[in-house]
């Protein structure tokens, strides 16, 4: 009997994990916290009320834009605790915080350089 030197080639496949995206109806009167999703807070205690007003935008325009662009559930400034509450998928939190920080930086710069 002769020995066989067969090599078995193993095929590997990379399985992609897909995040399930929740679609939110931002215009619904029922769209309000709390949500059954991940949650985090961003400390904004070192910023003035004026900076926060500009950061949030008129009628929440900037927060709404960030919320919808990133398809997260909700962003809310809890003024008495000096935090911004963020509801959504946790893998998006860093991006959302960076977007908020850009508005904070712009607002701070605007206040510091005006007249």
N, C-alpha and C. Protein backbone atom coordinates (compact mmCIF):
# COMPACT_ATOMS: atom_id res chain seq x y z
N UNK A 1 0.81 -1.18 0.00
CA UNK A 1 0.00 0.00 0.00
C UNK A 1 0.85 1.25 0.00
N UNK A 2 0.47 2.15 -0.82
CA UNK A 2 1.20 3.42 -0.84
C UNK A 2 0.43 4.47 -0.07
N UNK A 3 1.22 5.34 0.57
CA UNK A 3 0.60 6.40 1.34
C UNK A 3 0.24 7.57 0.44
N UNK A 4 -0.87 8.19 0.73
CA UNK A 4 -1.31 9.35 -0.05
C UNK A 4 -0.90 10.62 0.68
N UNK A 5 -0.30 11.54 -0.04
CA UNK A 5 0.09 12.83 0.52
C UNK A 5 -0.87 13.92 0.06
N UNK A 6 -2.11 13.70 0.29
CA UNK A 6 -3.11 14.69 -0.11
C UNK A 6 -3.17 15.81 0.92
N UNK A 7 -3.25 17.00 0.41
CA UNK A 7 -3.39 18.16 1.28
C UNK A 7 -4.83 18.65 1.19
N UNK A 8 -5.42 18.82 2.32
CA UNK A 8 -6.78 19.32 2.34
C UNK A 8 -6.73 20.83 2.52
N UNK A 9 -7.34 21.51 1.60
CA UNK A 9 -7.36 22.96 1.68
C UNK A 9 -8.66 23.38 2.38
N UNK A 10 -8.49 24.18 3.40
CA UNK A 10 -9.65 24.64 4.15
C UNK A 10 -10.01 26.03 3.66
N UNK A 11 -11.25 26.19 3.31
CA UNK A 11 -11.73 27.49 2.86
C UNK A 11 -12.27 28.26 4.06
N UNK A 12 -11.76 29.45 4.20
CA UNK A 12 -12.26 30.27 5.30
C UNK A 12 -13.10 31.41 4.74
N UNK A 13 -14.12 31.67 5.43
CA UNK A 13 -14.98 32.78 5.03
C UNK A 13 -15.14 33.73 6.20
N UNK A 14 -15.10 34.98 5.87
CA UNK A 14 -15.28 35.99 6.90
C UNK A 14 -16.77 36.31 6.96
N UNK A 15 -17.31 36.17 8.13
CA UNK A 15 -18.72 36.46 8.32
C UNK A 15 -18.85 37.89 8.78
N UNK A 16 -19.60 38.64 8.03
CA UNK A 16 -19.81 40.03 8.40
C UNK A 16 -20.93 40.11 9.42
N UNK A 17 -20.67 40.89 10.45
CA UNK A 17 -21.74 41.13 11.41
C UNK A 17 -22.37 42.45 11.05
N UNK A 18 -23.65 42.44 10.93
CA UNK A 18 -24.37 43.64 10.57
C UNK A 18 -25.13 44.15 11.78
N UNK A 19 -25.02 45.44 11.99
CA UNK A 19 -25.78 46.07 13.05
C UNK A 19 -27.21 46.24 12.56
N UNK A 20 -28.15 45.88 13.38
CA UNK A 20 -29.53 46.08 13.02
C UNK A 20 -29.88 47.53 13.34
N UNK A 21 -30.27 48.26 12.32
CA UNK A 21 -30.59 49.67 12.48
C UNK A 21 -32.07 49.82 12.81
N UNK A 22 -32.34 50.53 13.87
CA UNK A 22 -33.71 50.84 14.23
C UNK A 22 -34.09 52.12 13.51
N UNK A 23 -35.25 52.11 12.91
CA UNK A 23 -35.74 53.31 12.24
C UNK A 23 -36.64 54.05 13.23
N UNK A 24 -36.38 55.34 13.39
CA UNK A 24 -37.14 56.14 14.32
C UNK A 24 -38.04 57.11 13.57
N UNK A 25 -39.23 57.31 14.10
CA UNK A 25 -40.15 58.31 13.56
C UNK A 25 -39.97 59.57 14.38
N UNK A 26 -39.04 60.42 13.94
CA UNK A 26 -38.66 61.60 14.70
C UNK A 26 -39.80 62.61 14.83
N UNK A 27 -40.76 62.57 13.94
CA UNK A 27 -41.86 63.53 13.96
C UNK A 27 -43.03 63.10 14.85
N UNK A 28 -43.02 61.86 15.28
CA UNK A 28 -44.12 61.34 16.09
C UNK A 28 -44.14 61.98 17.48
N UNK A 29 -45.31 62.35 17.97
CA UNK A 29 -45.41 62.89 19.34
C UNK A 29 -45.03 61.84 20.40
N UNK A 30 -45.03 60.58 20.03
CA UNK A 30 -44.66 59.51 20.95
C UNK A 30 -43.14 59.28 21.00
N UNK A 31 -42.41 59.97 20.14
CA UNK A 31 -40.94 59.80 20.10
C UNK A 31 -40.31 60.66 21.20
N UNK A 32 -40.21 60.07 22.40
CA UNK A 32 -39.61 60.77 23.53
C UNK A 32 -39.00 59.74 24.48
N UNK A 33 -37.98 60.16 25.23
CA UNK A 33 -37.32 59.20 26.11
C UNK A 33 -38.21 58.80 27.27
N UNK A 34 -37.85 57.69 27.91
CA UNK A 34 -36.68 56.84 27.66
C UNK A 34 -36.94 55.87 26.51
N UNK A 35 -35.85 55.39 25.92
CA UNK A 35 -35.91 54.44 24.82
C UNK A 35 -35.28 53.13 25.26
N UNK A 36 -35.70 52.06 24.65
CA UNK A 36 -35.14 50.75 24.94
C UNK A 36 -33.90 50.54 24.08
N UNK A 37 -32.84 51.28 24.42
CA UNK A 37 -31.60 51.25 23.64
C UNK A 37 -30.45 51.63 24.55
N UNK A 38 -29.27 51.70 24.00
CA UNK A 38 -28.10 52.09 24.78
C UNK A 38 -28.19 53.57 25.15
N UNK A 39 -27.49 53.94 26.20
CA UNK A 39 -27.55 55.30 26.73
C UNK A 39 -26.17 55.73 27.21
N UNK A 40 -25.84 56.99 26.97
CA UNK A 40 -24.63 57.55 27.55
C UNK A 40 -24.84 59.03 27.80
N UNK A 41 -23.92 59.61 28.55
CA UNK A 41 -23.98 61.03 28.85
C UNK A 41 -22.65 61.68 28.51
N UNK A 42 -22.73 62.96 28.15
CA UNK A 42 -21.55 63.76 27.84
C UNK A 42 -21.54 64.93 28.82
N UNK A 43 -20.48 65.07 29.59
CA UNK A 43 -20.37 66.15 30.56
C UNK A 43 -20.13 67.47 29.85
N UNK A 44 -20.99 68.45 30.13
CA UNK A 44 -20.82 69.78 29.52
C UNK A 44 -20.79 70.86 30.60
N UNK A 45 -20.39 70.49 31.80
CA UNK A 45 -20.39 71.42 32.94
C UNK A 45 -19.40 72.57 32.77
N UNK A 46 -18.41 72.41 31.91
CA UNK A 46 -17.41 73.47 31.74
C UNK A 46 -17.82 74.51 30.69
N UNK A 47 -19.01 74.38 30.13
CA UNK A 47 -19.44 75.31 29.09
C UNK A 47 -20.59 76.20 29.59
N UNK A 48 -20.58 77.44 29.13
CA UNK A 48 -21.60 78.40 29.56
C UNK A 48 -22.96 78.09 28.93
N UNK A 49 -23.99 78.69 29.52
CA UNK A 49 -25.34 78.54 28.95
C UNK A 49 -25.39 79.05 27.51
N UNK A 50 -24.66 80.12 27.26
CA UNK A 50 -24.64 80.69 25.92
C UNK A 50 -24.03 79.72 24.91
N UNK A 51 -22.94 79.09 25.29
CA UNK A 51 -22.31 78.09 24.41
C UNK A 51 -23.29 76.95 24.15
N UNK A 52 -23.96 76.50 25.19
CA UNK A 52 -24.89 75.38 25.03
C UNK A 52 -26.09 75.77 24.16
N UNK A 53 -26.59 76.99 24.32
CA UNK A 53 -27.71 77.44 23.48
C UNK A 53 -27.33 77.43 22.00
N UNK A 54 -26.15 77.94 21.69
CA UNK A 54 -25.67 77.92 20.30
C UNK A 54 -25.41 76.50 19.81
N UNK A 55 -24.89 75.66 20.69
CA UNK A 55 -24.60 74.27 20.34
C UNK A 55 -25.88 73.52 19.99
N UNK A 56 -26.90 73.70 20.79
CA UNK A 56 -28.18 73.00 20.57
C UNK A 56 -28.87 73.55 19.32
N UNK A 57 -28.81 74.87 19.13
CA UNK A 57 -29.44 75.50 17.98
C UNK A 57 -30.87 75.88 18.27
N UNK A 58 -31.38 76.79 17.45
CA UNK A 58 -32.76 77.26 17.60
C UNK A 58 -33.72 76.09 17.44
N UNK A 59 -34.59 75.93 18.42
CA UNK A 59 -35.55 74.82 18.45
C UNK A 59 -34.88 73.44 18.35
N UNK A 60 -33.63 73.35 18.82
CA UNK A 60 -32.92 72.07 18.81
C UNK A 60 -32.40 71.66 17.44
N UNK A 61 -32.31 72.61 16.52
CA UNK A 61 -31.93 72.32 15.13
C UNK A 61 -30.66 71.49 15.02
N UNK A 62 -29.60 71.87 15.73
CA UNK A 62 -28.32 71.15 15.61
C UNK A 62 -28.40 69.75 16.20
N UNK A 63 -29.07 69.61 17.35
CA UNK A 63 -29.23 68.28 17.94
C UNK A 63 -30.10 67.39 17.03
N UNK A 64 -31.15 67.97 16.45
CA UNK A 64 -31.99 67.20 15.52
C UNK A 64 -31.18 66.72 14.33
N UNK A 65 -30.35 67.60 13.80
CA UNK A 65 -29.51 67.24 12.65
C UNK A 65 -28.56 66.08 12.99
N UNK A 66 -27.90 66.18 14.14
CA UNK A 66 -26.98 65.12 14.57
C UNK A 66 -27.74 63.81 14.79
N UNK A 67 -28.89 63.91 15.42
CA UNK A 67 -29.72 62.72 15.71
C UNK A 67 -30.11 62.00 14.43
N UNK A 68 -30.64 62.75 13.49
CA UNK A 68 -31.13 62.13 12.26
C UNK A 68 -29.99 61.66 11.36
N UNK A 69 -28.92 62.45 11.27
CA UNK A 69 -27.77 62.06 10.44
C UNK A 69 -27.16 60.74 10.92
N UNK A 70 -27.09 60.57 12.23
CA UNK A 70 -26.49 59.36 12.80
C UNK A 70 -27.50 58.25 13.09
N UNK A 71 -28.75 58.50 12.81
CA UNK A 71 -29.84 57.54 13.03
C UNK A 71 -29.79 56.95 14.44
N UNK A 72 -29.75 57.88 15.42
CA UNK A 72 -29.84 57.46 16.81
C UNK A 72 -31.21 57.87 17.34
N UNK A 73 -31.53 57.45 18.53
CA UNK A 73 -32.87 57.70 19.05
C UNK A 73 -33.09 59.14 19.47
N UNK A 74 -32.16 59.73 20.25
CA UNK A 74 -32.47 61.02 20.85
C UNK A 74 -31.22 61.64 21.47
N UNK A 75 -31.17 62.96 21.45
CA UNK A 75 -30.15 63.73 22.17
C UNK A 75 -30.89 64.80 22.96
N UNK A 76 -30.50 64.97 24.22
CA UNK A 76 -31.20 65.93 25.07
C UNK A 76 -30.23 66.55 26.06
N UNK A 77 -30.30 67.87 26.22
CA UNK A 77 -29.47 68.56 27.20
C UNK A 77 -30.21 68.59 28.54
N UNK A 78 -29.65 67.92 29.53
CA UNK A 78 -30.22 67.93 30.88
C UNK A 78 -29.52 69.07 31.62
N UNK A 79 -30.13 70.23 31.54
CA UNK A 79 -29.49 71.47 31.99
C UNK A 79 -29.15 71.44 33.49
N UNK A 80 -30.05 70.93 34.32
CA UNK A 80 -29.79 70.95 35.77
C UNK A 80 -28.67 70.01 36.20
N UNK A 81 -28.30 69.06 35.33
CA UNK A 81 -27.18 68.15 35.61
C UNK A 81 -25.95 68.45 34.77
N UNK A 82 -26.07 69.41 33.85
CA UNK A 82 -24.96 69.77 32.95
C UNK A 82 -24.43 68.59 32.15
N UNK A 83 -25.34 67.82 31.59
CA UNK A 83 -24.95 66.70 30.74
C UNK A 83 -25.82 66.68 29.48
N UNK A 84 -25.28 66.10 28.45
CA UNK A 84 -26.06 65.81 27.26
C UNK A 84 -26.32 64.31 27.28
N UNK A 85 -27.60 63.95 27.25
CA UNK A 85 -28.01 62.54 27.25
C UNK A 85 -28.15 62.09 25.80
N UNK A 86 -27.62 60.90 25.52
CA UNK A 86 -27.66 60.34 24.16
C UNK A 86 -28.22 58.93 24.23
N UNK A 87 -29.30 58.69 23.47
CA UNK A 87 -29.88 57.36 23.35
C UNK A 87 -29.65 56.86 21.93
N UNK A 88 -29.20 55.62 21.80
CA UNK A 88 -28.99 55.03 20.47
C UNK A 88 -28.07 53.83 20.56
N UNK A 89 -27.60 53.37 19.42
CA UNK A 89 -26.67 52.24 19.38
C UNK A 89 -25.30 52.70 19.86
N UNK A 90 -24.75 51.99 20.83
CA UNK A 90 -23.50 52.42 21.46
C UNK A 90 -22.33 52.53 20.49
N UNK A 91 -22.35 51.80 19.41
CA UNK A 91 -21.24 51.90 18.45
C UNK A 91 -21.23 53.25 17.74
N UNK A 92 -22.28 54.04 17.90
CA UNK A 92 -22.34 55.37 17.28
C UNK A 92 -22.01 56.50 18.25
N UNK A 93 -21.84 56.18 19.52
CA UNK A 93 -21.67 57.23 20.54
C UNK A 93 -20.45 58.12 20.29
N UNK A 94 -19.31 57.54 19.93
CA UNK A 94 -18.12 58.37 19.70
C UNK A 94 -18.33 59.35 18.57
N UNK A 95 -18.94 58.92 17.49
CA UNK A 95 -19.23 59.80 16.35
C UNK A 95 -20.18 60.91 16.77
N UNK A 96 -21.22 60.56 17.50
CA UNK A 96 -22.21 61.55 17.95
C UNK A 96 -21.54 62.57 18.87
N UNK A 97 -20.73 62.10 19.81
CA UNK A 97 -20.03 63.01 20.72
C UNK A 97 -19.08 63.93 19.95
N UNK A 98 -18.41 63.40 18.95
CA UNK A 98 -17.53 64.23 18.12
C UNK A 98 -18.33 65.30 17.37
N UNK A 99 -19.50 64.93 16.85
CA UNK A 99 -20.35 65.90 16.16
C UNK A 99 -20.80 67.00 17.12
N UNK A 100 -21.19 66.62 18.33
CA UNK A 100 -21.60 67.60 19.33
C UNK A 100 -20.42 68.51 19.69
N UNK A 101 -19.25 67.90 19.85
CA UNK A 101 -18.05 68.67 20.21
C UNK A 101 -17.71 69.71 19.14
N UNK A 102 -17.93 69.37 17.88
CA UNK A 102 -17.68 70.33 16.80
C UNK A 102 -18.58 71.56 16.96
N UNK A 103 -19.83 71.35 17.32
CA UNK A 103 -20.73 72.48 17.56
C UNK A 103 -20.31 73.28 18.79
N UNK A 104 -19.85 72.58 19.83
CA UNK A 104 -19.36 73.28 21.03
C UNK A 104 -18.15 74.13 20.67
N UNK A 105 -17.22 73.57 19.92
CA UNK A 105 -16.03 74.31 19.51
C UNK A 105 -16.39 75.52 18.66
N UNK A 106 -17.30 75.34 17.71
CA UNK A 106 -17.72 76.45 16.86
C UNK A 106 -18.37 77.54 17.72
N UNK A 107 -19.25 77.14 18.64
CA UNK A 107 -19.96 78.10 19.50
C UNK A 107 -18.99 78.87 20.38
N UNK A 108 -18.04 78.17 20.96
CA UNK A 108 -17.04 78.81 21.82
C UNK A 108 -16.21 79.81 21.02
N UNK A 109 -15.77 79.39 19.84
CA UNK A 109 -14.99 80.27 18.98
C UNK A 109 -15.81 81.51 18.57
N UNK A 110 -17.05 81.31 18.21
CA UNK A 110 -17.92 82.41 17.82
C UNK A 110 -18.05 83.44 18.95
N UNK A 111 -18.29 82.96 20.15
CA UNK A 111 -18.44 83.85 21.30
C UNK A 111 -17.13 84.59 21.60
N UNK A 112 -16.03 83.90 21.51
CA UNK A 112 -14.73 84.49 21.83
C UNK A 112 -14.21 85.48 20.78
N UNK A 113 -14.72 85.40 19.56
CA UNK A 113 -14.19 86.27 18.50
C UNK A 113 -15.15 87.35 18.04
N UNK A 114 -16.34 87.38 18.57
CA UNK A 114 -17.28 88.42 18.16
C UNK A 114 -16.88 89.75 18.77
N UNK A 115 -17.32 90.82 18.18
CA UNK A 115 -17.00 92.20 18.63
C UNK A 115 -16.05 92.17 19.78
